[in-house]
C-alpha atoms as a PDB file:
ATOM      1  CA  MET A   1      12.610   0.548   2.730  1.00  0.00           C
ATOM      2  CA  GLU A   2      13.865  -2.677   1.186  1.00  0.00           C
ATOM      3  CA  ASN A   3      12.692  -1.656  -2.282  1.00  0.00           C
ATOM      4  CA  ILE A   4      14.253   1.789  -1.883  1.00  0.00           C
ATOM      5  CA  GLY A   5      17.534   0.086  -1.040  1.00  0.00           C
ATOM      6  CA  LYS A   6      17.265  -2.261  -4.026  1.00  0.00           C
ATOM      7  CA  ARG A   7      16.723   0.632  -6.430  1.00  0.00           C
ATOM      8  CA  GLY A   8      19.864   2.374  -5.201  1.00  0.00           C
ATOM      9  CA  ARG A   9      18.729   5.845  -6.288  1.00  0.00           C
ATOM     10  CA  SER A  10      20.922   8.526  -4.775  1.00  0.00           C
ATOM     11  CA  TYR A  11      18.011  10.920  -4.252  1.00  0.00           C
ATOM     12  CA  GLU A  12      16.187   8.298  -2.156  1.00  0.00           C
ATOM     13  CA  LYS A  13      19.084   7.384   0.137  1.00  0.00           C
ATOM     14  CA  ASP A  14      18.043   9.778   2.911  1.00  0.00           C
ATOM     15  CA  ILE A  15      14.424   8.600   3.124  1.00  0.00           C
ATOM     16  CA  THR A  16      13.701   7.295   6.610  1.00  0.00           C
ATOM     17  CA  PRO A  17      11.039   4.893   7.876  1.00  0.00           C
ATOM     18  CA  GLN A  18       9.692   7.766   9.995  1.00  0.00           C
ATOM     19  CA  TYR A  19       9.212   9.918   6.901  1.00  0.00           C
ATOM     20  CA  LEU A  20       7.321   7.150   5.096  1.00  0.00           C
ATOM     21  CA  LEU A  21       5.146   6.561   8.158  1.00  0.00           C
ATOM     22  CA  LYS A  22       4.316  10.280   8.278  1.00  0.00           C
ATOM     23  CA  ILE A  23       3.199  10.135   4.635  1.00  0.00           C
ATOM     24  CA  GLN A  24       1.130   7.005   5.295  1.00  0.00           C
ATOM     25  CA  ASN A  25      -0.564   8.592   8.299  1.00  0.00           C
ATOM     26  CA  GLY A  26      -1.348  11.686   6.248  1.00  0.00           C
ATOM     27  CA  TYR A  27      -3.089   9.577   3.628  1.00  0.00           C
ATOM     28  CA  PHE A  28      -5.069   7.694   6.298  1.00  0.00           C
ATOM     29  CA  GLU A  29      -6.256  10.992   7.779  1.00  0.00           C
ATOM     30  CA  LEU A  30      -7.367  12.112   4.323  1.00  0.00           C
ATOM     31  CA  PHE A  31      -9.169   8.815   3.715  1.00  0.00           C
ATOM     32  CA  LYS A  32     -11.026   9.126   7.029  1.00  0.00           C
ATOM     33  CA  SER A  33     -12.407  12.477   5.860  1.00  0.00           C
ATOM     34  CA  LEU A  34     -13.942  10.837   2.778  1.00  0.00           C
ATOM     35  CA  PRO A  35     -16.323   8.205   4.219  1.00  0.00           C
ATOM     36  CA  HIS A  36     -18.569   8.303   1.138  1.00  0.00           C
ATOM     37  CA  LEU A  37     -15.809   6.846  -1.038  1.00  0.00           C
ATOM     38  CA  ARG A  38     -14.801   3.196  -1.319  1.00  0.00           C
ATOM     39  CA  ILE A  39     -11.148   3.046  -0.315  1.00  0.00           C
ATOM     40  CA  VAL A  40      -9.251  -0.225  -0.140  1.00  0.00           C
ATOM     41  CA  VAL A  41      -5.777  -0.158   1.387  1.00  0.00           C
ATOM     42  CA  ILE A  42      -3.799  -3.322   0.693  1.00  0.00           C
ATOM     43  CA  ASP A  43      -0.784  -4.107   2.853  1.00  0.00           C
ATOM     44  CA  SER A  44       1.458  -5.617   0.217  1.00  0.00           C
ATOM     45  CA  SER A  45       4.678  -5.456   2.219  1.00  0.00           C
ATOM     46  CA  SER A  46       5.071  -9.235   2.220  1.00  0.00           C
ATOM     47  CA  LEU A  47       4.272  -9.688  -1.477  1.00  0.00           C
ATOM     48  CA  ASP A  48       6.682 -10.103  -4.372  1.00  0.00           C
ATOM     49  CA  PHE A  49       5.036  -9.018  -7.615  1.00  0.00           C
ATOM     50  CA  VAL A  50       8.188  -9.611  -9.666  1.00  0.00           C
ATOM     51  CA  ASN A  51       8.785 -13.254  -8.756  1.00  0.00           C
ATOM     52  CA  ARG A  52       5.323 -14.424  -7.687  1.00  0.00           C
ATOM     53  CA  GLY A  53       2.486 -14.019 -10.171  1.00  0.00           C
ATOM     54  CA  GLU A  54       0.025 -15.318  -7.591  1.00  0.00           C
ATOM     55  CA  ASP A  55       0.760 -12.253  -5.422  1.00  0.00           C
ATOM     56  CA  TYR A  56      -0.236  -9.986  -8.294  1.00  0.00           C
ATOM     57  CA  GLU A  57      -3.358 -12.067  -8.930  1.00  0.00           C
ATOM     58  CA  ALA A  58      -4.357 -11.826  -5.240  1.00  0.00           C
ATOM     59  CA  VAL A  59      -4.297  -8.021  -5.426  1.00  0.00           C
ATOM     60  CA  LEU A  60      -6.280  -8.009  -8.667  1.00  0.00           C
ATOM     61  CA  LYS A  61      -8.900 -10.242  -7.059  1.00  0.00           C
ATOM     62  CA  ILE A  62      -9.342  -7.787  -4.179  1.00  0.00           C
ATOM     63  CA  LEU A  63      -9.557  -4.812  -6.512  1.00  0.00           C
ATOM     64  CA  ASN A  64     -12.239  -6.529  -8.598  1.00  0.00           C
ATOM     65  CA  GLU A  65     -14.460  -7.206  -5.573  1.00  0.00           C
ATOM     66  CA  ASP A  66     -17.350  -4.920  -4.687  1.00  0.00           C
ATOM     67  CA  HIS A  67     -16.489  -2.937  -1.547  1.00  0.00           C
ATOM     68  CA  GLU A  68     -18.752  -0.838   0.648  1.00  0.00           C
ATOM     69  CA  ALA A  69     -18.171   2.864   1.224  1.00  0.00           C
ATOM     70  CA  GLY A  70     -15.490   3.723   3.762  1.00  0.00           C
ATOM     71  CA  MET A  71     -11.909   2.659   4.253  1.00  0.00           C
ATOM     72  CA  LYS A  72     -11.053  -1.024   4.389  1.00  0.00           C
ATOM     73  CA  VAL A  73      -7.531  -2.244   5.204  1.00  0.00           C
ATOM     74  CA  ILE A  74      -6.564  -5.686   3.926  1.00  0.00           C
ATOM     75  CA  SER A  75      -3.336  -7.457   4.801  1.00  0.00           C
ATOM     76  CA  LEU A  76      -2.055 -10.137   2.468  1.00  0.00           C
ATOM     77  CA  LYS A  77       0.494 -12.401   4.105  1.00  0.00           C
END
């Protein structure tokens, strides 16, 4: 929501947290139906890729790791 506000795009002004949560939940339901795939969900809500290069590097490190099949949720704080 903070990034949506920063962008200031008129067509995004009516997006609600509830709407975004509904989209997120829809993706999680889809991911659960694909247990043979390796899916890594990274909670990046506390990261700042623009001003902190180490945040970007932390995500790259996770993406370059070998992950088992199934969905794995990782929170970086």
